[in-house]
Amino acid sequence: MPMERVEYDLNALRACCLRELEMRKRVYPKWVAKGTYSQKKADAELDSMSLVCDYFTDAIFRAVTGQDQRGAAPDAIEAWLKDRKAKIVELVKEGRL
């Protein structure tokens, strides 16, 4: 069965991601102070969301312009994306994500 095609406003999705990151920056210190989250977990979650926002922002920019935000060539873009993916995988393996 074919998947249903759904169109998204990429700018709205990016804005949502950035709002989530900012909300976490406001809330996590309170959660750490109350003992709901450890500082290690809060830091890992912020790092992860920051990586997601960076990756998403660059992917949108790349889709629109054909290059990354630094104006790098496609090979450099692929290397940067591979590094971002590796960091996310590392966080997952460590149980921090």
C-alpha atoms as a PDB file:
ATOM      1  CA  MET A   1       0.000   0.000   0.000  1.00  0.00           C
ATOM      2  CA  PRO A   2       1.525   3.388  -0.963  1.00  0.00           C
ATOM      3  CA  MET A   3       2.205   5.905   1.765  1.00  0.00           C
ATOM      4  CA  GLU A   4       0.010   8.964   1.894  1.00  0.00           C
ATOM      5  CA  ARG A   5       1.853  12.045   0.747  1.00  0.00           C
ATOM      6  CA  VAL A   6       1.877  14.797   3.350  1.00  0.00           C
ATOM      7  CA  GLU A   7       3.330  18.236   2.775  1.00  0.00           C
ATOM      8  CA  TYR A   8       4.863  20.216   5.607  1.00  0.00           C
ATOM      9  CA  ASP A   9       5.879  23.836   5.991  1.00  0.00           C
ATOM     10  CA  LEU A  10       9.595  23.390   6.657  1.00  0.00           C
ATOM     11  CA  ASN A  11       9.913  26.830   8.224  1.00  0.00           C
ATOM     12  CA  ALA A  12       7.122  25.989  10.676  1.00  0.00           C
ATOM     13  CA  LEU A  13       8.809  22.681  11.569  1.00  0.00           C
ATOM     14  CA  ARG A  14      12.144  24.439  12.080  1.00  0.00           C
ATOM     15  CA  ALA A  15      10.484  27.058  14.282  1.00  0.00           C
ATOM     16  CA  CYS A  16       8.883  24.283  16.335  1.00  0.00           C
ATOM     17  CA  CYS A  17      12.266  22.634  16.832  1.00  0.00           C
ATOM     18  CA  LEU A  18      13.854  25.911  17.935  1.00  0.00           C
ATOM     19  CA  ARG A  19      10.970  26.647  20.336  1.00  0.00           C
ATOM     20  CA  GLU A  20      11.421  23.205  21.872  1.00  0.00           C
ATOM     21  CA  LEU A  21      15.129  23.861  22.390  1.00  0.00           C
ATOM     22  CA  GLU A  22      14.440  27.221  24.047  1.00  0.00           C
ATOM     23  CA  MET A  23      11.753  25.689  26.269  1.00  0.00           C
ATOM     24  CA  ARG A  24      14.168  23.000  27.396  1.00  0.00           C
ATOM     25  CA  LYS A  25      16.785  25.637  28.204  1.00  0.00           C
ATOM     26  CA  ARG A  26      14.253  27.342  30.490  1.00  0.00           C
ATOM     27  CA  VAL A  27      12.778  24.209  32.100  1.00  0.00           C
ATOM     28  CA  TYR A  28      15.724  21.855  32.611  1.00  0.00           C
ATOM     29  CA  PRO A  29      17.527  23.995  35.221  1.00  0.00           C
ATOM     30  CA  LYS A  30      14.344  23.920  37.328  1.00  0.00           C
ATOM     31  CA  TRP A  31      14.049  20.152  36.879  1.00  0.00           C
ATOM     32  CA  VAL A  32      17.688  19.662  37.864  1.00  0.00           C
ATOM     33  CA  ALA A  33      17.162  21.809  40.973  1.00  0.00           C
ATOM     34  CA  LYS A  34      14.099  19.709  41.941  1.00  0.00           C
ATOM     35  CA  GLY A  35      15.904  16.435  41.241  1.00  0.00           C
ATOM     36  CA  THR A  36      13.581  15.462  38.383  1.00  0.00           C
ATOM     37  CA  TYR A  37      16.545  15.355  35.968  1.00  0.00           C
ATOM     38  CA  SER A  38      20.233  14.898  36.602  1.00  0.00           C
ATOM     39  CA  GLN A  39      22.543  17.566  35.221  1.00  0.00           C
ATOM     40  CA  LYS A  40      24.096  14.908  32.994  1.00  0.00           C
ATOM     41  CA  LYS A  41      20.724  13.984  31.476  1.00  0.00           C
ATOM     42  CA  ALA A  42      19.723  17.642  31.041  1.00  0.00           C
ATOM     43  CA  ASP A  43      23.022  18.413  29.294  1.00  0.00           C
ATOM     44  CA  ALA A  44      22.657  15.376  27.030  1.00  0.00           C
ATOM     45  CA  GLU A  45      19.082  16.292  26.117  1.00  0.00           C
ATOM     46  CA  LEU A  46      20.070  19.883  25.322  1.00  0.00           C
ATOM     47  CA  ASP A  47      23.011  18.667  23.240  1.00  0.00           C
ATOM     48  CA  SER A  48      20.735  16.283  21.374  1.00  0.00           C
ATOM     49  CA  MET A  49      18.051  18.864  20.639  1.00  0.00           C
ATOM     50  CA  SER A  50      20.697  21.348  19.580  1.00  0.00           C
ATOM     51  CA  LEU A  51      22.094  18.763  17.145  1.00  0.00           C
ATOM     52  CA  VAL A  52      18.604  18.098  15.778  1.00  0.00           C
ATOM     53  CA  CYS A  53      17.961  21.823  15.281  1.00  0.00           C
ATOM     54  CA  ASP A  54      21.351  22.324  13.594  1.00  0.00           C
ATOM     55  CA  TYR A  55      20.830  19.315  11.350  1.00  0.00           C
ATOM     56  CA  PHE A  56      17.293  20.346  10.452  1.00  0.00           C
ATOM     57  CA  THR A  57      18.276  23.966   9.779  1.00  0.00           C
ATOM     58  CA  ASP A  58      21.151  22.916   7.554  1.00  0.00           C
ATOM     59  CA  ALA A  59      19.014  20.354   5.721  1.00  0.00           C
ATOM     60  CA  ILE A  60      16.442  23.035   4.880  1.00  0.00           C
ATOM     61  CA  PHE A  61      19.117  25.497   3.779  1.00  0.00           C
ATOM     62  CA  ARG A  62      20.745  22.787   1.698  1.00  0.00           C
ATOM     63  CA  ALA A  63      17.446  21.827   0.064  1.00  0.00           C
ATOM     64  CA  VAL A  64      16.810  25.440  -0.910  1.00  0.00           C
ATOM     65  CA  THR A  65      20.310  26.516  -1.959  1.00  0.00           C
ATOM     66  CA  GLY A  66      22.192  23.329  -2.817  1.00  0.00           C
ATOM     67  CA  GLN A  67      24.919  24.211  -0.320  1.00  0.00           C
ATOM     68  CA  ASP A  68      25.320  24.430   3.414  1.00  0.00           C
ATOM     69  CA  GLN A  69      25.214  27.623   5.434  1.00  0.00           C
ATOM     70  CA  ARG A  70      28.965  28.026   5.205  1.00  0.00           C
ATOM     71  CA  GLY A  71      28.860  27.849   1.409  1.00  0.00           C
ATOM     72  CA  ALA A  72      30.767  24.585   1.473  1.00  0.00           C
ATOM     73  CA  ALA A  73      30.994  22.199  -1.423  1.00  0.00           C
ATOM     74  CA  PRO A  74      28.779  19.083  -1.447  1.00  0.00           C
ATOM     75  CA  ASP A  75      31.591  16.808  -0.174  1.00  0.00           C
ATOM     76  CA  ALA A  76      32.125  19.058   2.836  1.00  0.00           C
ATOM     77  CA  ILE A  77      28.384  19.119   3.470  1.00  0.00           C
ATOM     78  CA  GLU A  78      28.236  15.322   3.467  1.00  0.00           C
ATOM     79  CA  ALA A  79      31.173  15.150   5.881  1.00  0.00           C
ATOM     80  CA  TRP A  80      29.469  17.623   8.241  1.00  0.00           C
ATOM     81  CA  LEU A  81      26.177  15.705   8.113  1.00  0.00           C
ATOM     82  CA  LYS A  82      28.001  12.418   8.717  1.00  0.00           C
ATOM     83  CA  ASP A  83      29.645  13.953  11.793  1.00  0.00           C
ATOM     84  CA  ARG A  84      26.264  15.159  13.128  1.00  0.00           C
ATOM     85  CA  LYS A  85      24.740  11.714  12.582  1.00  0.00           C
ATOM     86  CA  ALA A  86      27.701  10.069  14.337  1.00  0.00           C
ATOM     87  CA  LYS A  87      27.234  12.311  17.369  1.00  0.00           C
ATOM     88  CA  ILE A  88      23.550  11.437  17.575  1.00  0.00           C
ATOM     89  CA  VAL A  89      24.369   7.711  17.323  1.00  0.00           C
ATOM     90  CA  GLU A  90      26.976   8.123  20.049  1.00  0.00           C
ATOM     91  CA  LEU A  91      24.435   9.769  22.363  1.00  0.00           C
ATOM     92  CA  VAL A  92      21.977   6.937  21.721  1.00  0.00           C
ATOM     93  CA  LYS A  93      24.599   4.260  22.433  1.00  0.00           C
ATOM     94  CA  GLU A  94      25.537   5.999  25.674  1.00  0.00           C
ATOM     95  CA  GLY A  95      21.877   6.033  26.676  1.00  0.00           C
ATOM     96  CA  ARG A  96      21.885   9.831  26.809  1.00  0.00           C
ATOM     97  CA  LEU A  97      19.221  10.105  24.133  1.00  0.00           C
END
